[in-house]
């Protein structure tokens, strides 16, 4: 696929790609970065994309996946730790240490969740999105989002209780 053919095929959807990226990333600069990454990926795979029957649909799925990858990268291990410690004013070093350990434990349990549940937990608790926003971003129904988040939280609670019982 030559440059002119590539531009004619993919550039008309640039605004659609940007709108979706902005909706998911909630930041203009992040959305522009995502769209740029998408076009780089499309360009590097241009010879394999000649048989795509719906470039717009393909591109939107690629935008969604790049956004989700980017959001996952932003959620690093220290994030939950920082949030919890900012919300609690503990002068006692022992209490802070116990809290930090609990946060690390919860973060590890989140990492152990199935991918779909982990993604929803990240969107809900790290990005402070409501069920409606999560449903739009993932394509799930609001009920399904609520059920999956509930199951993930239940799993985390169960594993914490199990670990506490094992320590006794």
N, C-alpha and C. Protein backbone atom coordinates (compact mmCIF):
# COMPACT_ATOMS: atom_id res chain seq x y z
N UNK A 1 0.85 -1.17 0.00
CA UNK A 1 0.00 0.00 0.00
C UNK A 1 0.90 1.24 0.00
N UNK A 2 0.69 2.10 -0.96
CA UNK A 2 1.47 3.33 -1.09
C UNK A 2 0.93 4.39 -0.14
N UNK A 3 1.69 5.46 0.02
CA UNK A 3 1.32 6.52 0.96
C UNK A 3 -0.02 7.16 0.59
N UNK A 4 -0.24 7.45 -0.66
CA UNK A 4 -1.48 8.10 -1.08
C UNK A 4 -2.67 7.19 -0.80
N UNK A 5 -2.54 5.91 -1.11
CA UNK A 5 -3.63 4.96 -0.85
C UNK A 5 -3.88 4.85 0.65
N UNK A 6 -2.80 4.82 1.44
CA UNK A 6 -2.92 4.76 2.90
C UNK A 6 -3.69 5.98 3.42
N UNK A 7 -3.28 7.15 2.97
CA UNK A 7 -3.94 8.38 3.41
C UNK A 7 -5.41 8.40 3.02
N UNK A 8 -5.71 7.99 1.81
CA UNK A 8 -7.11 7.98 1.35
C UNK A 8 -7.95 6.98 2.14
N UNK A 9 -7.33 5.91 2.55
CA UNK A 9 -8.08 4.87 3.24
C UNK A 9 -8.26 5.16 4.73
N UNK A 10 -7.24 5.70 5.40
CA UNK A 10 -7.26 5.82 6.86
C UNK A 10 -7.47 7.23 7.39
N UNK A 11 -7.04 8.26 6.68
CA UNK A 11 -7.13 9.61 7.21
C UNK A 11 -8.56 10.15 7.35
N UNK A 12 -9.51 9.72 6.55
CA UNK A 12 -10.88 10.23 6.76
C UNK A 12 -11.46 9.90 8.14
N UNK A 13 -10.88 8.93 8.83
CA UNK A 13 -11.42 8.50 10.13
C UNK A 13 -10.66 9.11 11.30
N UNK A 14 -9.74 10.00 11.00
CA UNK A 14 -8.91 10.59 12.05
C UNK A 14 -9.75 11.25 13.13
N UNK A 15 -10.77 11.97 12.77
CA UNK A 15 -11.64 12.63 13.77
C UNK A 15 -12.38 11.61 14.62
N UNK A 16 -12.86 10.54 14.00
CA UNK A 16 -13.54 9.48 14.76
C UNK A 16 -12.57 8.83 15.75
N UNK A 17 -11.36 8.59 15.30
CA UNK A 17 -10.35 7.98 16.18
C UNK A 17 -10.05 8.91 17.35
N UNK A 18 -9.91 10.20 17.06
CA UNK A 18 -9.61 11.16 18.12
C UNK A 18 -10.74 11.24 19.14
N UNK A 19 -11.98 11.31 18.66
CA UNK A 19 -13.12 11.41 19.59
C UNK A 19 -13.17 10.22 20.54
N UNK A 20 -12.97 9.01 20.00
CA UNK A 20 -12.98 7.83 20.87
C UNK A 20 -11.82 7.89 21.86
N UNK A 21 -10.65 8.23 21.37
CA UNK A 21 -9.47 8.30 22.25
C UNK A 21 -9.68 9.35 23.35
N UNK A 22 -10.23 10.50 22.98
CA UNK A 22 -10.48 11.55 23.97
C UNK A 22 -11.50 11.08 25.00
N UNK A 23 -12.52 10.40 24.53
CA UNK A 23 -13.56 9.87 25.44
C UNK A 23 -12.94 8.89 26.44
N UNK A 24 -12.05 8.04 25.97
CA UNK A 24 -11.47 7.03 26.86
C UNK A 24 -10.34 7.58 27.73
N UNK A 25 -9.56 8.49 27.18
CA UNK A 25 -8.39 8.99 27.90
C UNK A 25 -8.69 10.22 28.75
N UNK A 26 -9.74 10.96 28.40
CA UNK A 26 -10.15 12.17 29.13
C UNK A 26 -9.04 13.22 29.17
N UNK A 27 -8.20 13.22 28.14
CA UNK A 27 -7.12 14.19 28.05
C UNK A 27 -6.83 14.43 26.57
N UNK A 28 -6.76 15.69 26.19
CA UNK A 28 -6.52 16.02 24.78
C UNK A 28 -5.15 15.52 24.32
N UNK A 29 -4.13 15.78 25.12
CA UNK A 29 -2.78 15.37 24.70
C UNK A 29 -2.65 13.84 24.66
N UNK A 30 -3.24 13.15 25.64
CA UNK A 30 -3.20 11.69 25.62
C UNK A 30 -3.95 11.13 24.42
N UNK A 31 -5.07 11.75 24.10
CA UNK A 31 -5.87 11.30 22.95
C UNK A 31 -5.07 11.49 21.66
N UNK A 32 -4.40 12.62 21.52
CA UNK A 32 -3.59 12.85 20.32
C UNK A 32 -2.44 11.86 20.24
N UNK A 33 -1.84 11.53 21.39
CA UNK A 33 -0.77 10.53 21.40
C UNK A 33 -1.29 9.17 20.96
N UNK A 34 -2.48 8.82 21.43
CA UNK A 34 -3.07 7.53 21.06
C UNK A 34 -3.32 7.47 19.55
N UNK A 35 -3.90 8.53 19.01
CA UNK A 35 -4.18 8.55 17.58
C UNK A 35 -2.88 8.45 16.78
N UNK A 36 -1.86 9.14 17.24
CA UNK A 36 -0.56 9.05 16.56
C UNK A 36 -0.03 7.62 16.62
N UNK A 37 -0.12 6.99 17.78
CA UNK A 37 0.32 5.60 17.91
C UNK A 37 -0.46 4.67 16.99
N UNK A 38 -1.75 4.93 16.88
CA UNK A 38 -2.59 4.12 16.00
C UNK A 38 -2.14 4.25 14.56
N UNK A 39 -1.88 5.47 14.13
CA UNK A 39 -1.45 5.66 12.74
C UNK A 39 -0.07 5.05 12.50
N UNK A 40 0.79 5.08 13.49
CA UNK A 40 2.10 4.43 13.34
C UNK A 40 1.90 2.92 13.19
N UNK A 41 1.03 2.35 14.02
CA UNK A 41 0.76 0.91 13.91
C UNK A 41 0.14 0.56 12.57
N UNK A 42 -0.80 1.38 12.13
CA UNK A 42 -1.44 1.13 10.83
C UNK A 42 -0.42 1.21 9.70
N UNK A 43 0.46 2.21 9.78
CA UNK A 43 1.47 2.37 8.73
C UNK A 43 2.43 1.19 8.69
N UNK A 44 2.86 0.74 9.85
CA UNK A 44 3.81 -0.37 9.86
C UNK A 44 3.18 -1.68 9.40
N UNK A 45 1.86 -1.77 9.51
CA UNK A 45 1.15 -2.98 9.07
C UNK A 45 0.38 -2.77 7.77
N UNK A 46 0.67 -1.71 7.07
CA UNK A 46 -0.14 -1.31 5.92
C UNK A 46 -0.29 -2.39 4.86
N UNK A 47 0.73 -3.19 4.65
CA UNK A 47 0.66 -4.23 3.61
C UNK A 47 -0.28 -5.37 4.00
N UNK A 48 -0.50 -5.55 5.28
CA UNK A 48 -1.41 -6.61 5.74
C UNK A 48 -2.85 -6.11 5.90
N UNK A 49 -3.07 -4.83 5.72
CA UNK A 49 -4.39 -4.24 5.97
C UNK A 49 -5.20 -4.01 4.69
N UNK A 50 -4.73 -4.51 3.58
CA UNK A 50 -5.44 -4.25 2.32
C UNK A 50 -6.78 -4.98 2.25
N UNK A 51 -6.94 -6.06 3.00
CA UNK A 51 -8.17 -6.84 2.95
C UNK A 51 -9.20 -6.43 4.00
N UNK A 52 -8.92 -5.38 4.76
CA UNK A 52 -9.85 -4.92 5.79
C UNK A 52 -11.08 -4.34 5.09
N UNK A 53 -12.25 -4.91 5.38
CA UNK A 53 -13.47 -4.46 4.70
C UNK A 53 -14.04 -3.18 5.32
N UNK A 54 -13.80 -2.97 6.62
CA UNK A 54 -14.30 -1.77 7.28
C UNK A 54 -13.16 -1.09 8.04
N UNK A 55 -12.43 -0.20 7.37
CA UNK A 55 -11.30 0.46 8.02
C UNK A 55 -11.70 1.25 9.27
N UNK A 56 -12.87 1.86 9.23
CA UNK A 56 -13.31 2.65 10.38
C UNK A 56 -13.47 1.75 11.60
N UNK A 57 -14.17 0.64 11.46
CA UNK A 57 -14.39 -0.28 12.58
C UNK A 57 -13.06 -0.84 13.08
N UNK A 58 -12.21 -1.24 12.15
CA UNK A 58 -10.90 -1.79 12.52
C UNK A 58 -10.10 -0.74 13.29
N UNK A 59 -10.10 0.48 12.78
CA UNK A 59 -9.36 1.56 13.42
C UNK A 59 -9.88 1.89 14.81
N UNK A 60 -11.20 1.89 14.96
CA UNK A 60 -11.78 2.19 16.28
C UNK A 60 -11.44 1.12 17.30
N UNK A 61 -11.43 -0.13 16.88
CA UNK A 61 -11.03 -1.21 17.79
C UNK A 61 -9.56 -1.03 18.17
N UNK A 62 -8.74 -0.67 17.20
CA UNK A 62 -7.32 -0.45 17.48
C UNK A 62 -7.14 0.73 18.44
N UNK A 63 -7.91 1.80 18.24
CA UNK A 63 -7.84 2.95 19.15
C UNK A 63 -8.21 2.52 20.57
N UNK A 64 -9.30 1.78 20.70
CA UNK A 64 -9.72 1.31 22.02
C UNK A 64 -8.62 0.48 22.69
N UNK A 65 -8.02 -0.42 21.95
CA UNK A 65 -6.98 -1.27 22.52
C UNK A 65 -5.75 -0.46 22.92
N UNK A 66 -5.35 0.49 22.09
CA UNK A 66 -4.20 1.33 22.43
C UNK A 66 -4.51 2.17 23.67
N UNK A 67 -5.73 2.68 23.77
CA UNK A 67 -6.13 3.45 24.96
C UNK A 67 -6.05 2.59 26.21
N UNK A 68 -6.60 1.40 26.14
CA UNK A 68 -6.58 0.51 27.30
C UNK A 68 -5.15 0.14 27.69
N UNK A 69 -4.30 -0.12 26.71
CA UNK A 69 -2.90 -0.40 27.00
C UNK A 69 -2.23 0.80 27.68
N UNK A 70 -2.53 1.97 27.17
CA UNK A 70 -1.95 3.19 27.74
C UNK A 70 -2.42 3.41 29.17
N UNK A 71 -3.71 3.19 29.40
CA UNK A 71 -4.24 3.36 30.75
C UNK A 71 -3.63 2.36 31.72
N UNK A 72 -3.44 1.13 31.25
CA UNK A 72 -2.80 0.12 32.10
C UNK A 72 -1.39 0.53 32.47
N UNK A 73 -0.68 1.10 31.52
CA UNK A 73 0.70 1.53 31.78
C UNK A 73 0.76 2.65 32.81
N UNK A 74 -0.27 3.48 32.84
CA UNK A 74 -0.29 4.60 33.78
C UNK A 74 -0.53 4.15 35.21
N UNK A 75 -1.16 3.02 35.38
CA UNK A 75 -1.47 2.53 36.72
C UNK A 75 -0.28 1.70 37.19
N UNK A 76 0.57 2.32 37.90
CA UNK A 76 1.76 1.63 38.40
C UNK A 76 1.53 1.21 39.85
N UNK A 77 2.42 0.40 40.34
CA UNK A 77 2.26 -0.20 41.66
C UNK A 77 2.12 0.84 42.77
N UNK A 78 2.82 1.94 42.68
CA UNK A 78 2.77 2.92 43.76
C UNK A 78 1.51 3.77 43.79
N UNK A 79 0.69 3.71 42.80
CA UNK A 79 -0.46 4.61 42.71
C UNK A 79 -1.43 4.43 43.87
N UNK A 80 -1.89 3.22 44.11
CA UNK A 80 -2.83 2.97 45.19
C UNK A 80 -2.20 3.34 46.52
N UNK A 81 -0.96 3.02 46.71
CA UNK A 81 -0.21 3.33 47.91
C UNK A 81 -0.25 4.84 48.17
N UNK A 82 0.02 5.63 47.16
CA UNK A 82 0.03 7.08 47.31
C UNK A 82 -1.35 7.62 47.66
N UNK A 83 -2.37 7.12 46.99
CA UNK A 83 -3.74 7.59 47.24
C UNK A 83 -4.15 7.29 48.68
N UNK A 84 -3.92 6.07 49.13
CA UNK A 84 -4.31 5.69 50.49
C UNK A 84 -3.56 6.51 51.52
N UNK A 85 -2.28 6.69 51.32
CA UNK A 85 -1.49 7.44 52.30
C UNK A 85 -1.86 8.92 52.30
N UNK A 86 -2.27 9.46 51.18
CA UNK A 86 -2.70 10.85 51.14
C UNK A 86 -4.02 11.03 51.89
N UNK A 87 -4.87 10.03 51.84
CA UNK A 87 -6.19 10.14 52.46
C UNK A 87 -6.15 9.83 53.95
N UNK A 88 -5.06 9.31 54.45
CA UNK A 88 -4.96 8.99 55.86
C UNK A 88 -3.82 9.78 56.48
N UNK A 89 -4.10 10.37 57.60
CA UNK A 89 -3.08 11.09 58.33
C UNK A 89 -2.61 10.24 59.49
N UNK A 90 -1.64 9.42 59.25
CA UNK A 90 -1.14 8.54 60.31
C UNK A 90 0.24 9.01 60.74
N UNK A 91 0.34 9.37 61.98
CA UNK A 91 1.63 9.79 62.51
C UNK A 91 2.42 8.59 63.02
N UNK A 92 1.73 7.51 63.31
CA UNK A 92 2.37 6.32 63.85
C UNK A 92 3.05 5.55 62.70
N UNK A 93 4.38 5.42 62.74
CA UNK A 93 5.09 4.71 61.67
C UNK A 93 4.66 3.25 61.52
N UNK A 94 4.32 2.62 62.62
CA UNK A 94 3.89 1.22 62.56
C UNK A 94 2.56 1.10 61.81
N UNK A 95 1.64 2.00 62.06
CA UNK A 95 0.36 2.00 61.36
C UNK A 95 0.56 2.25 59.87
N UNK A 96 1.44 3.17 59.55
CA UNK A 96 1.73 3.45 58.14
C UNK A 96 2.33 2.22 57.46
N UNK A 97 3.21 1.54 58.15
CA UNK A 97 3.84 0.34 57.59
C UNK A 97 2.80 -0.75 57.35
N UNK A 98 1.91 -0.95 58.31
CA UNK A 98 0.85 -1.96 58.15
C UNK A 98 -0.06 -1.60 56.97
N UNK A 99 -0.39 -0.32 56.86
CA UNK A 99 -1.24 0.13 55.77
C UNK A 99 -0.54 -0.07 54.42
N UNK A 100 0.73 0.27 54.36
CA UNK A 100 1.48 0.08 53.11
C UNK A 100 1.51 -1.40 52.72
N UNK A 101 1.69 -2.26 53.69
CA UNK A 101 1.71 -3.70 53.40
C UNK A 101 0.36 -4.17 52.89
N UNK A 102 -0.71 -3.67 53.48
CA UNK A 102 -2.06 -4.04 53.04
C UNK A 102 -2.29 -3.56 51.60
N UNK A 103 -1.84 -2.37 51.30
CA UNK A 103 -1.99 -1.83 49.95
C UNK A 103 -1.25 -2.70 48.95
N UNK A 104 -0.03 -3.09 49.27
CA UNK A 104 0.74 -3.97 48.37
C UNK A 104 0.02 -5.31 48.18
N UNK A 105 -0.56 -5.80 49.23
CA UNK A 105 -1.30 -7.06 49.17
C UNK A 105 -2.50 -6.92 48.22
N UNK A 106 -3.24 -5.85 48.34
CA UNK A 106 -4.40 -5.62 47.48
C UNK A 106 -3.95 -5.43 46.04
N UNK A 107 -2.88 -4.68 45.82
CA UNK A 107 -2.39 -4.49 44.45
C UNK A 107 -1.99 -5.82 43.81
N UNK A 108 -1.37 -6.68 44.59
CA UNK A 108 -0.99 -8.00 44.05
C UNK A 108 -2.23 -8.81 43.71
N UNK A 109 -3.24 -8.74 44.56
CA UNK A 109 -4.49 -9.45 44.27
C UNK A 109 -5.17 -8.90 43.02
N UNK A 110 -5.10 -7.60 42.83
CA UNK A 110 -5.65 -7.00 41.61
C UNK A 110 -4.91 -7.53 40.39
N UNK A 111 -3.60 -7.63 40.48
CA UNK A 111 -2.81 -8.17 39.37
C UNK A 111 -3.19 -9.62 39.07
N UNK A 112 -3.63 -10.36 40.08
CA UNK A 112 -3.99 -11.77 39.90
C UNK A 112 -5.40 -11.97 39.32
N UNK A 113 -6.18 -10.90 39.24
CA UNK A 113 -7.54 -11.00 38.71
C UNK A 113 -7.50 -11.35 37.22
N UNK A 114 -8.56 -11.94 36.70
CA UNK A 114 -8.67 -12.11 35.25
C UNK A 114 -8.60 -10.73 34.57
N UNK A 115 -8.09 -10.70 33.36
CA UNK A 115 -7.85 -9.44 32.65
C UNK A 115 -9.08 -8.53 32.61
N UNK A 116 -10.25 -9.07 32.31
CA UNK A 116 -11.44 -8.22 32.20
C UNK A 116 -11.81 -7.60 33.54
N UNK A 117 -11.71 -8.36 34.62
CA UNK A 117 -12.02 -7.82 35.95
C UNK A 117 -10.97 -6.79 36.38
N UNK A 118 -9.70 -7.09 36.10
CA UNK A 118 -8.63 -6.15 36.46
C UNK A 118 -8.84 -4.82 35.74
N UNK A 119 -9.19 -4.89 34.48
CA UNK A 119 -9.42 -3.68 33.69
C UNK A 119 -10.55 -2.85 34.31
N UNK A 120 -11.63 -3.50 34.71
CA UNK A 120 -12.76 -2.79 35.30
C UNK A 120 -12.41 -2.18 36.65
N UNK A 121 -11.66 -2.92 37.47
CA UNK A 121 -11.22 -2.40 38.77
C UNK A 121 -10.35 -1.17 38.59
N UNK A 122 -9.45 -1.22 37.62
CA UNK A 122 -8.57 -0.08 37.36
C UNK A 122 -9.41 1.14 36.95
N UNK A 123 -10.35 0.93 36.06
CA UNK A 123 -11.18 2.05 35.61
C UNK A 123 -12.04 2.60 36.75
N UNK A 124 -12.55 1.73 37.58
CA UNK A 124 -13.44 2.15 38.67
C UNK A 124 -12.68 2.85 39.79
N UNK A 125 -11.62 2.23 40.28
CA UNK A 125 -10.99 2.72 41.50
C UNK A 125 -9.73 3.55 41.28
N UNK A 126 -9.02 3.33 40.19
CA UNK A 126 -7.83 4.13 39.94
C UNK A 126 -8.17 5.37 39.12
N UNK A 127 -9.14 5.22 38.19
CA UNK A 127 -9.48 6.34 37.32
C UNK A 127 -10.79 7.02 37.74
N UNK A 128 -11.41 6.52 38.80
CA UNK A 128 -12.63 7.11 39.36
C UNK A 128 -13.74 7.28 38.32
N UNK A 129 -13.94 6.27 37.50
CA UNK A 129 -15.02 6.31 36.52
C UNK A 129 -16.26 5.64 37.11
N UNK A 130 -17.43 6.11 36.69
CA UNK A 130 -18.65 5.47 37.16
C UNK A 130 -19.01 4.32 36.21
N UNK A 131 -20.03 3.56 36.58
CA UNK A 131 -20.39 2.36 35.80
C UNK A 131 -20.78 2.72 34.37
N UNK A 132 -21.45 3.84 34.20
CA UNK A 132 -21.87 4.25 32.86
C UNK A 132 -20.66 4.53 31.96
N UNK A 133 -19.67 5.24 32.49
CA UNK A 133 -18.47 5.54 31.72
C UNK A 133 -17.71 4.26 31.38
N UNK A 134 -17.63 3.36 32.33
CA UNK A 134 -16.93 2.10 32.11
C UNK A 134 -17.66 1.28 31.05
N UNK A 135 -18.97 1.27 31.13
CA UNK A 135 -19.76 0.52 30.15
C UNK A 135 -19.53 1.06 28.75
N UNK A 136 -19.53 2.37 28.60
CA UNK A 136 -19.28 2.96 27.28
C UNK A 136 -17.88 2.63 26.77
N UNK A 137 -16.89 2.67 27.66
CA UNK A 137 -15.51 2.43 27.26
C UNK A 137 -15.26 0.97 26.88
N UNK A 138 -15.94 0.07 27.54
CA UNK A 138 -15.66 -1.36 27.32
C UNK A 138 -16.67 -2.03 26.40
N UNK A 139 -17.82 -1.41 26.20
CA UNK A 139 -18.85 -2.03 25.39
C UNK A 139 -19.72 -3.01 26.16
N UNK A 140 -19.52 -3.10 27.47
CA UNK A 140 -20.35 -3.96 28.31
C UNK A 140 -21.58 -3.19 28.77
N UNK A 141 -22.59 -3.91 29.24
CA UNK A 141 -23.74 -3.24 29.83
C UNK A 141 -23.36 -2.76 31.24
N UNK A 142 -24.10 -1.79 31.75
CA UNK A 142 -23.83 -1.29 33.10
C UNK A 142 -24.02 -2.39 34.13
N UNK A 143 -25.01 -3.23 33.93
CA UNK A 143 -25.26 -4.34 34.85
C UNK A 143 -24.07 -5.29 34.85
N UNK A 144 -23.58 -5.60 33.66
CA UNK A 144 -22.43 -6.51 33.55
C UNK A 144 -21.20 -5.90 34.22
N UNK A 145 -21.00 -4.61 34.04
CA UNK A 145 -19.88 -3.92 34.69
C UNK A 145 -20.00 -4.04 36.20
N UNK A 146 -21.19 -3.76 36.73
CA UNK A 146 -21.42 -3.81 38.17
C UNK A 146 -21.17 -5.22 38.72
N UNK A 147 -21.66 -6.24 37.99
CA UNK A 147 -21.50 -7.62 38.44
C UNK A 147 -20.02 -8.02 38.44
N UNK A 148 -19.31 -7.68 37.38
CA UNK A 148 -17.89 -8.06 37.29
C UNK A 148 -17.05 -7.35 38.36
N UNK A 149 -17.35 -6.09 38.62
CA UNK A 149 -16.62 -5.37 39.68
C UNK A 149 -16.94 -5.99 41.03
N UNK A 150 -18.19 -6.33 41.25
CA UNK A 150 -18.60 -6.97 42.50
C UNK A 150 -17.88 -8.30 42.70
N UNK A 151 -17.81 -9.09 41.64
CA UNK A 151 -17.10 -10.38 41.74
C UNK A 151 -15.61 -10.18 42.03
N UNK A 152 -15.02 -9.19 41.41
CA UNK A 152 -13.60 -8.92 41.64
C UNK A 152 -13.37 -8.49 43.09
N UNK A 153 -14.22 -7.61 43.60
CA UNK A 153 -14.08 -7.16 44.99
C UNK A 153 -14.29 -8.33 45.96
N UNK A 154 -15.26 -9.17 45.64
CA UNK A 154 -15.53 -10.35 46.48
C UNK A 154 -14.31 -11.28 46.51
N UNK A 155 -13.70 -11.48 45.34
CA UNK A 155 -12.49 -12.31 45.26
C UNK A 155 -11.37 -11.71 46.12
N UNK A 156 -11.18 -10.41 46.02
CA UNK A 156 -10.11 -9.75 46.79
C UNK A 156 -10.37 -9.89 48.28
N UNK A 157 -11.63 -9.64 48.71
CA UNK A 157 -11.97 -9.79 50.13
C UNK A 157 -11.71 -11.22 50.61
N UNK A 158 -12.13 -12.18 49.83
CA UNK A 158 -11.97 -13.60 50.18
C UNK A 158 -10.48 -13.95 50.32
N UNK A 159 -9.67 -13.48 49.40
CA UNK A 159 -8.24 -13.79 49.46
C UNK A 159 -7.56 -13.10 50.64
N UNK A 160 -7.98 -11.90 50.98
CA UNK A 160 -7.41 -11.20 52.14
C UNK A 160 -7.77 -11.96 53.42
N UNK A 161 -9.03 -12.37 53.53
CA UNK A 161 -9.45 -13.15 54.69
C UNK A 161 -8.67 -14.46 54.77
N UNK A 162 -8.45 -15.09 53.65
CA UNK A 162 -7.69 -16.34 53.63
C UNK A 162 -6.26 -16.11 54.09
N UNK A 163 -5.65 -15.04 53.60
CA UNK A 163 -4.28 -14.73 54.00
C UNK A 163 -4.20 -14.40 55.48
N UNK A 164 -5.20 -13.68 56.00
CA UNK A 164 -5.22 -13.37 57.43
C UNK A 164 -5.37 -14.61 58.26
N UNK A 165 -6.22 -15.54 57.82
CA UNK A 165 -6.41 -16.80 58.54
C UNK A 165 -5.14 -17.67 58.51
N UNK A 166 -4.42 -17.62 57.39
CA UNK A 166 -3.18 -18.38 57.27
C UNK A 166 -2.10 -17.85 58.20
N UNK A 167 -2.15 -16.53 58.47
CA UNK A 167 -1.15 -15.90 59.35
C UNK A 167 -1.38 -16.24 60.82
N UNK A 168 -2.61 -16.62 61.16
CA UNK A 168 -2.94 -16.89 62.57
C UNK A 168 -2.48 -18.24 63.00
